Protein backbone atom coordinates (compact mmCIF):
# COMPACT_ATOMS: atom_id res chain seq x y z
CA MET A 1 -12.52 28.28 11.22
CA HIS A 2 -10.42 26.40 13.82
CA THR A 3 -8.77 28.73 16.35
CA SER A 4 -7.58 26.19 18.94
CA PRO A 5 -4.64 23.86 18.22
CA LEU A 6 -5.68 21.08 15.89
CA PRO A 7 -5.43 17.49 17.10
CA THR A 8 -2.57 15.65 15.43
CA ILE A 9 -3.12 12.38 13.59
CA ARG A 10 0.06 10.42 13.06
CA ILE A 11 -0.03 8.41 9.83
CA ILE A 12 2.46 5.65 9.08
CA ALA A 13 2.68 4.47 5.48
CA PHE A 14 4.99 2.63 3.13
CA PRO A 15 7.20 4.73 0.84
CA GLY A 16 5.78 5.09 -2.65
CA ALA A 17 3.86 7.14 -5.16
CA PRO A 18 0.47 6.02 -3.74
CA ASN A 19 1.08 8.52 -0.90
CA LEU A 20 0.47 11.38 -3.35
CA PRO A 21 -3.11 12.09 -2.12
CA ILE A 22 -1.72 12.46 1.41
CA PHE A 23 1.01 14.81 0.16
CA ALA A 24 -1.66 16.82 -1.67
CA ALA A 25 -4.06 16.99 1.26
CA ILE A 26 -1.24 18.33 3.45
CA ALA A 27 0.03 20.80 0.85
CA GLN A 28 -3.43 22.06 -0.11
CA GLY A 29 -4.52 22.41 3.52
CA PHE A 30 -7.40 19.95 3.23
CA PHE A 31 -6.62 18.13 6.47
CA ALA A 32 -6.36 21.42 8.36
CA GLU A 33 -9.66 22.60 6.88
CA GLU A 34 -11.26 19.42 8.18
CA GLY A 35 -9.88 20.06 11.67
CA VAL A 36 -6.78 17.89 12.03
CA LYS A 37 -3.04 18.22 11.65
CA VAL A 38 -1.33 15.28 9.96
CA ASP A 39 2.14 13.97 10.76
CA LEU A 40 3.23 11.46 8.07
CA SER A 41 6.06 9.02 8.65
CA LEU A 42 7.28 6.22 6.40
CA THR A 43 7.93 2.71 7.64
CA PRO A 44 10.89 0.55 6.67
CA SER A 45 8.81 -2.64 7.06
CA SER A 46 5.35 -4.00 7.80
CA VAL A 47 6.70 -5.41 11.07
CA MET A 48 7.74 -1.98 12.36
CA GLN A 49 4.46 -0.51 11.13
CA ALA A 50 2.48 -3.05 13.14
CA GLN A 51 4.67 -2.57 16.21
CA LYS A 52 4.25 1.20 16.16
CA THR A 53 0.50 0.88 15.68
CA ALA A 54 0.20 -1.63 18.52
CA ASP A 55 2.28 0.64 20.78
CA GLY A 56 0.02 3.63 20.07
CA ASP A 57 2.75 5.55 18.23
CA CYS A 58 0.45 6.25 15.29
CA GLU A 59 -3.28 6.55 14.75
CA MET A 60 -3.82 5.86 11.05
CA VAL A 61 -2.10 3.36 8.80
CA PHE A 62 -1.80 3.00 5.05
CA THR A 63 -0.87 -0.63 4.59
CA ALA A 64 -1.54 -3.71 2.50
CA PHE A 65 -4.95 -5.25 3.04
CA ASP A 66 -3.29 -8.61 3.68
CA ASN A 67 -1.52 -7.11 6.71
CA VAL A 68 -4.91 -6.29 8.20
CA VAL A 69 -6.09 -9.83 7.53
CA ALA A 70 -2.91 -11.42 8.84
CA TYR A 71 -3.02 -9.66 12.20
CA GLY A 72 -6.77 -10.19 12.45
CA GLU A 73 -6.13 -13.92 12.10
CA GLY A 74 -3.18 -14.00 14.52
CA GLN A 75 -0.73 -14.58 11.66
CA GLY A 76 1.04 -11.22 11.58
CA ALA A 77 4.71 -11.13 10.65
CA ALA A 78 5.61 -9.35 13.90
CA GLY A 79 4.49 -12.39 15.88
CA PRO A 80 1.65 -13.23 18.26
CA ASP A 81 2.69 -10.69 20.90
CA VAL A 82 2.05 -7.74 18.55
CA ASN A 83 -1.60 -6.82 18.00
CA PRO A 84 -2.17 -3.58 16.06
CA ASP A 85 -5.92 -4.33 16.10
CA TYR A 86 -6.28 -3.10 12.51
CA VAL A 87 -9.62 -2.29 10.93
CA VAL A 88 -10.04 -0.95 7.39
CA VAL A 89 -11.89 2.37 7.13
CA MET A 90 -11.28 3.13 3.41
CA GLY A 91 -9.70 1.68 0.30
CA ALA A 92 -6.60 3.14 -1.32
CA THR A 93 -5.02 1.18 -4.18
CA GLN A 94 -5.40 -1.72 -6.55
CA LEU A 95 -1.58 -1.75 -6.57
CA GLU A 96 0.33 -3.48 -9.33
CA LEU A 97 3.22 -5.52 -8.00
CA SER A 98 6.04 -5.95 -10.52
CA LEU A 99 8.65 -8.69 -10.24
CA ILE A 100 11.85 -6.78 -10.95
CA VAL A 101 14.82 -9.00 -11.78
CA ALA A 102 18.54 -8.54 -12.29
CA PRO A 103 19.69 -7.89 -15.88
CA ASP A 104 21.02 -11.46 -16.26
CA VAL A 105 17.61 -12.99 -15.44
CA VAL A 106 15.66 -13.68 -18.63
CA THR A 107 13.21 -16.41 -17.53
CA PHE A 108 11.98 -17.84 -14.25
CA ALA A 109 14.46 -20.68 -14.67
CA ASP A 110 17.24 -18.14 -14.17
CA LEU A 111 15.97 -17.52 -10.63
CA LYS A 112 16.66 -21.10 -9.55
CA GLY A 113 19.07 -21.13 -6.64
CA ARG A 114 18.85 -17.34 -6.28
CA THR A 115 17.50 -15.14 -3.47
CA ILE A 116 14.43 -12.87 -3.75
CA ALA A 117 13.92 -9.85 -1.48
CA LEU A 118 10.58 -9.38 0.28
CA ASP A 119 9.19 -7.17 3.04
CA ALA A 120 8.49 -10.20 5.24
CA LEU A 121 8.22 -13.91 4.55
CA ALA A 122 4.53 -14.55 5.22
CA THR A 123 2.75 -11.51 3.81
CA GLY A 124 0.31 -11.12 0.95
CA PHE A 125 3.07 -9.96 -1.35
CA ALA A 126 4.96 -13.18 -0.60
CA PHE A 127 1.84 -15.10 -1.59
CA VAL A 128 1.67 -13.16 -4.87
CA LEU A 129 5.28 -14.16 -5.46
CA ASP A 130 4.39 -17.79 -4.71
CA GLU A 131 1.82 -17.63 -7.51
CA MET A 132 4.31 -16.07 -9.92
CA ILE A 133 6.98 -18.65 -9.11
CA ALA A 134 4.55 -21.55 -9.57
CA GLN A 135 3.23 -20.23 -12.88
CA GLY A 136 6.82 -19.69 -13.98
CA GLY A 137 7.49 -23.41 -13.58
CA LEU A 138 9.51 -23.34 -10.37
CA ALA A 139 8.88 -24.84 -6.96
CA LYS A 140 9.07 -22.49 -4.01
CA ALA A 141 12.09 -24.44 -2.76
CA ASP A 142 13.94 -23.53 -5.97
CA THR A 143 14.44 -19.98 -4.67
CA GLN A 144 15.02 -18.44 -1.26
CA TYR A 145 12.90 -15.57 0.06
CA VAL A 146 14.76 -13.06 2.24
CA ALA A 147 13.10 -10.47 4.49
CA VAL A 148 14.59 -7.08 3.57
CA GLY A 149 11.89 -4.49 4.27
CA ALA A 150 9.93 -1.89 2.33
CA THR A 151 10.24 -1.28 -1.41
CA PRO A 152 13.22 1.16 -1.39
CA GLN A 153 15.39 -1.27 0.56
CA ARG A 154 14.29 -4.20 -1.60
CA TRP A 155 14.93 -2.38 -4.87
CA HIS A 156 18.39 -1.27 -3.72
CA SER A 157 19.23 -4.85 -2.70
CA VAL A 158 18.57 -5.97 -6.29
CA GLN A 159 20.31 -2.94 -7.75
CA ASP A 160 23.49 -3.68 -5.81
CA GLY A 161 23.40 -7.38 -6.67
CA THR A 162 22.61 -8.71 -3.20
CA HIS A 163 19.40 -10.37 -4.43
CA ALA A 164 18.23 -11.45 -7.88
CA ALA A 165 14.65 -10.15 -7.72
CA THR A 166 11.99 -8.36 -5.72
CA LEU A 167 8.44 -7.06 -5.96
CA THR A 168 8.11 -3.31 -6.49
CA ILE A 169 5.46 -0.62 -6.74
CA GLU A 170 5.77 2.81 -8.33
CA PRO A 171 7.94 4.80 -8.56
CA PHE A 172 10.45 2.03 -7.94
CA THR A 173 9.26 -0.06 -10.90
CA SER A 174 9.95 2.81 -13.28
CA LEU A 175 13.25 3.60 -11.57
CA ALA A 176 14.32 -0.02 -11.97
CA THR A 177 13.34 -0.39 -15.61
CA ARG A 178 15.08 2.85 -16.52
CA ALA A 179 18.19 1.49 -14.81
CA GLY A 180 18.16 -1.57 -17.07
CA PHE A 181 16.33 -4.03 -14.86
CA LYS A 182 13.47 -6.10 -16.27
CA VAL A 183 9.89 -6.80 -15.20
CA LEU A 184 9.46 -10.58 -15.32
CA ASP A 185 5.81 -10.64 -14.22
CA THR A 186 3.07 -8.46 -12.70
CA SER A 187 0.20 -9.04 -10.30
CA SER A 188 -2.18 -7.40 -12.78
CA ARG A 189 -1.47 -10.24 -15.21
CA LEU A 190 -2.20 -12.85 -12.55
CA PHE A 191 -5.34 -11.40 -10.99
CA GLU A 192 -8.37 -9.62 -12.35
CA SER A 193 -8.55 -7.67 -9.10
CA TYR A 194 -6.23 -7.41 -6.10
CA GLN A 195 -6.76 -5.14 -3.10
CA GLY A 196 -3.37 -3.67 -2.43
CA GLY A 197 -3.38 -0.69 -0.08
CA VAL A 198 -6.03 0.35 2.42
CA CYS A 199 -6.44 3.00 5.07
CA ALA A 200 -6.77 1.40 8.50
CA THR A 201 -6.72 2.36 12.15
CA ARG A 202 -6.90 0.70 15.54
CA ARG A 203 -10.41 -0.37 16.44
CA SER A 204 -10.07 1.46 19.76
CA PHE A 205 -9.09 4.71 18.02
CA LEU A 206 -12.05 4.44 15.67
CA ARG A 207 -14.34 3.90 18.63
CA ASP A 208 -12.94 6.73 20.75
CA HIS A 209 -12.14 9.33 18.04
CA PRO A 210 -14.64 9.00 15.19
CA ASP A 211 -14.49 12.72 14.42
CA GLN A 212 -10.75 12.59 13.84
CA VAL A 213 -11.10 9.52 11.62
CA ARG A 214 -13.79 11.35 9.67
CA ALA A 215 -11.54 14.38 9.23
CA LEU A 216 -8.68 12.20 8.02
CA VAL A 217 -10.88 10.31 5.57
CA LYS A 218 -12.46 13.50 4.22
CA GLY A 219 -9.12 15.27 3.86
CA TYR A 220 -7.64 12.27 2.05
CA LEU A 221 -10.56 12.02 -0.37
CA ARG A 222 -10.25 15.73 -1.15
CA GLY A 223 -6.53 15.18 -1.77
CA LEU A 224 -7.37 12.23 -4.02
CA ALA A 225 -9.85 14.33 -6.00
CA TRP A 226 -7.24 17.07 -6.41
CA VAL A 227 -4.58 14.60 -7.58
CA THR A 228 -6.86 12.92 -10.12
CA ASP A 229 -8.21 16.18 -11.58
CA PRO A 230 -6.56 16.59 -15.01
CA ALA A 231 -6.39 20.34 -14.40
CA ASN A 232 -3.91 19.66 -11.57
CA ARG A 233 -1.71 17.16 -13.43
CA ASP A 234 1.35 19.40 -13.72
CA ALA A 235 1.07 20.52 -10.11
CA ALA A 236 0.57 16.91 -8.95
CA GLU A 237 3.67 15.78 -10.84
CA ALA A 238 5.68 18.62 -9.33
CA LEU A 239 4.46 17.72 -5.83
CA LEU A 240 5.35 14.06 -6.33
CA GLN A 241 8.86 14.99 -7.45
CA GLU A 242 9.23 17.40 -4.55
CA ARG A 243 8.27 14.73 -2.00
CA MET A 244 10.08 11.90 -3.82
CA PRO A 245 13.18 13.50 -5.40
CA GLU A 246 14.49 10.10 -6.49
CA ILE A 247 11.92 10.30 -9.32
CA LYS A 248 13.75 11.91 -12.22
CA PRO A 249 11.84 14.18 -14.62
CA GLN A 250 12.03 11.62 -17.42
CA ALA A 251 10.38 8.97 -15.20
CA VAL A 252 7.56 11.00 -13.66
CA GLY A 253 5.25 10.52 -16.65
CA SER A 254 5.29 6.72 -16.44
CA VAL A 255 4.94 6.83 -12.67
CA MET A 256 1.89 9.08 -12.89
CA LYS A 257 0.34 6.98 -15.67
CA SER A 258 0.55 3.87 -13.49
CA LEU A 259 -0.64 5.75 -10.41
CA MET A 260 -3.69 7.17 -12.18
CA SER A 261 -4.74 3.77 -13.58
CA PRO A 262 -7.34 1.95 -11.45
CA ARG A 263 -5.62 -1.29 -12.52
CA SER A 264 -2.27 -0.38 -11.06
CA GLY A 265 -2.65 2.57 -8.72
CA LEU A 266 -5.11 4.73 -6.82
CA THR A 267 -8.65 3.44 -6.37
CA PRO A 268 -11.30 5.93 -7.60
CA ASN A 269 -13.05 7.60 -4.62
CA GLY A 270 -11.04 5.46 -2.19
CA GLU A 271 -13.46 2.59 -2.73
CA ILE A 272 -12.71 -0.91 -1.55
CA LEU A 273 -12.52 -3.71 -4.10
CA PRO A 274 -14.62 -6.64 -2.80
CA LYS A 275 -13.33 -9.01 -5.50
CA GLY A 276 -9.80 -7.81 -4.85
CA MET A 277 -10.21 -8.41 -1.14
CA ALA A 278 -11.61 -11.88 -1.84
CA GLN A 279 -8.47 -12.55 -3.90
CA VAL A 280 -6.29 -11.57 -0.93
CA LEU A 281 -8.25 -13.93 1.34
CA ASP A 282 -7.94 -16.75 -1.19
CA LEU A 283 -4.17 -16.31 -1.38
CA ARG A 284 -3.79 -16.34 2.40
CA THR A 285 -6.07 -19.38 2.64
CA ARG A 286 -3.94 -21.31 0.15
CA HIS A 287 -0.48 -20.10 1.13
CA GLY A 288 -0.85 -19.08 4.78
CA ALA A 289 -1.33 -21.04 7.99
CA CYS A 290 -5.14 -21.09 7.94
CA ASP A 291 -7.20 -23.76 9.70
CA ALA A 292 -10.24 -22.93 7.59
CA PRO A 293 -10.89 -20.93 4.39
CA LEU A 294 -11.07 -17.16 4.81
CA THR A 295 -14.12 -15.85 2.97
CA ASP A 296 -15.73 -13.01 4.97
CA ILE A 297 -14.13 -9.64 4.14
CA SER A 298 -16.56 -7.81 6.45
CA ARG A 299 -14.61 -9.08 9.49
CA TYR A 300 -11.83 -6.63 8.65
CA LEU A 301 -13.90 -3.58 7.67
CA ASP A 302 -15.75 -0.68 9.27
CA LEU A 303 -16.75 1.61 6.41
CA GLY A 304 -19.52 3.64 8.07
CA ILE A 305 -17.55 6.89 8.35
CA TYR A 306 -16.17 6.55 4.83
CA GLU A 307 -19.62 5.97 3.33
CA ASN A 308 -21.04 9.04 5.09
CA VAL A 309 -18.09 11.21 4.04
CA LEU A 310 -18.43 10.07 0.44
CA LYS A 311 -22.10 11.07 0.44
CA ASP A 312 -21.14 14.50 1.79
CA LEU A 313 -18.50 15.02 -0.89
CA GLN A 314 -20.68 13.78 -3.72
CA GLY A 315 -23.45 16.03 -2.48
CA GLY A 316 -21.13 19.03 -2.59
CA ARG A 317 -20.85 19.42 1.18
CA VAL A 318 -17.06 19.87 1.32
CA GLY A 319 -15.19 21.36 4.25
């Protein structure tokens, strides 16, 4: 039992249903039982997330794997003066990206001359969009990408008619379709595997505070196990609606179905997806400013703590 004040780990993540294991680990007291207090904040963009991490304003980050790669290669959207020094300590999501389009868009041809909202212009999600646009028969120059920010801002910019399309994750995909907007394409159709979200930290924090990283990883995995236990389904849905009230009761079922699918949501046991990471590297190699092919995923990973925690949990040594 911890009697002294618990050290606080500040997490910064993107808004979305994939944060449910974090919500659960906080609500169920798993982080506290592991010896840390968690302060979760949501970022309006990958640029701000990187800036806050580089400035030491947060310790742990839930972000797209491509963001880790981009900053590791000096190609981060925040520019060369911002170095969050990301390293992946655990997987999080496969993440299905859906291309949500305005009601008057029926085919890719209808996007010609229109604007598409993105988080930033040179991220992995932009590269996924490049692939969709090309397979849809358009040249990249046929549309204009506009940096808008995280999914809520992007979805609202399509909803209000500012832009013709954007890429969404849950629950925003379900919110959009229920509002009459269409899904024109999905990343799960394009790719057999795609590493979406990961849990990362600064290399210096991992080096100096391994016990806190271990506590965070263990608390998260316990939250993930709680969320994915069918016995907790009703409670998990209620928690998601409590933390994300924009999800209406009639939409929560489809959101949870997508979230619980390894093809479009949470990764079982927080595992990384080597093929999915290779896909991210291939996209950045082909669409980014790379001098040579990116092929070595190990450059961006330090999974030692995660692997030890997973052994503890699978061996029944919880808490």
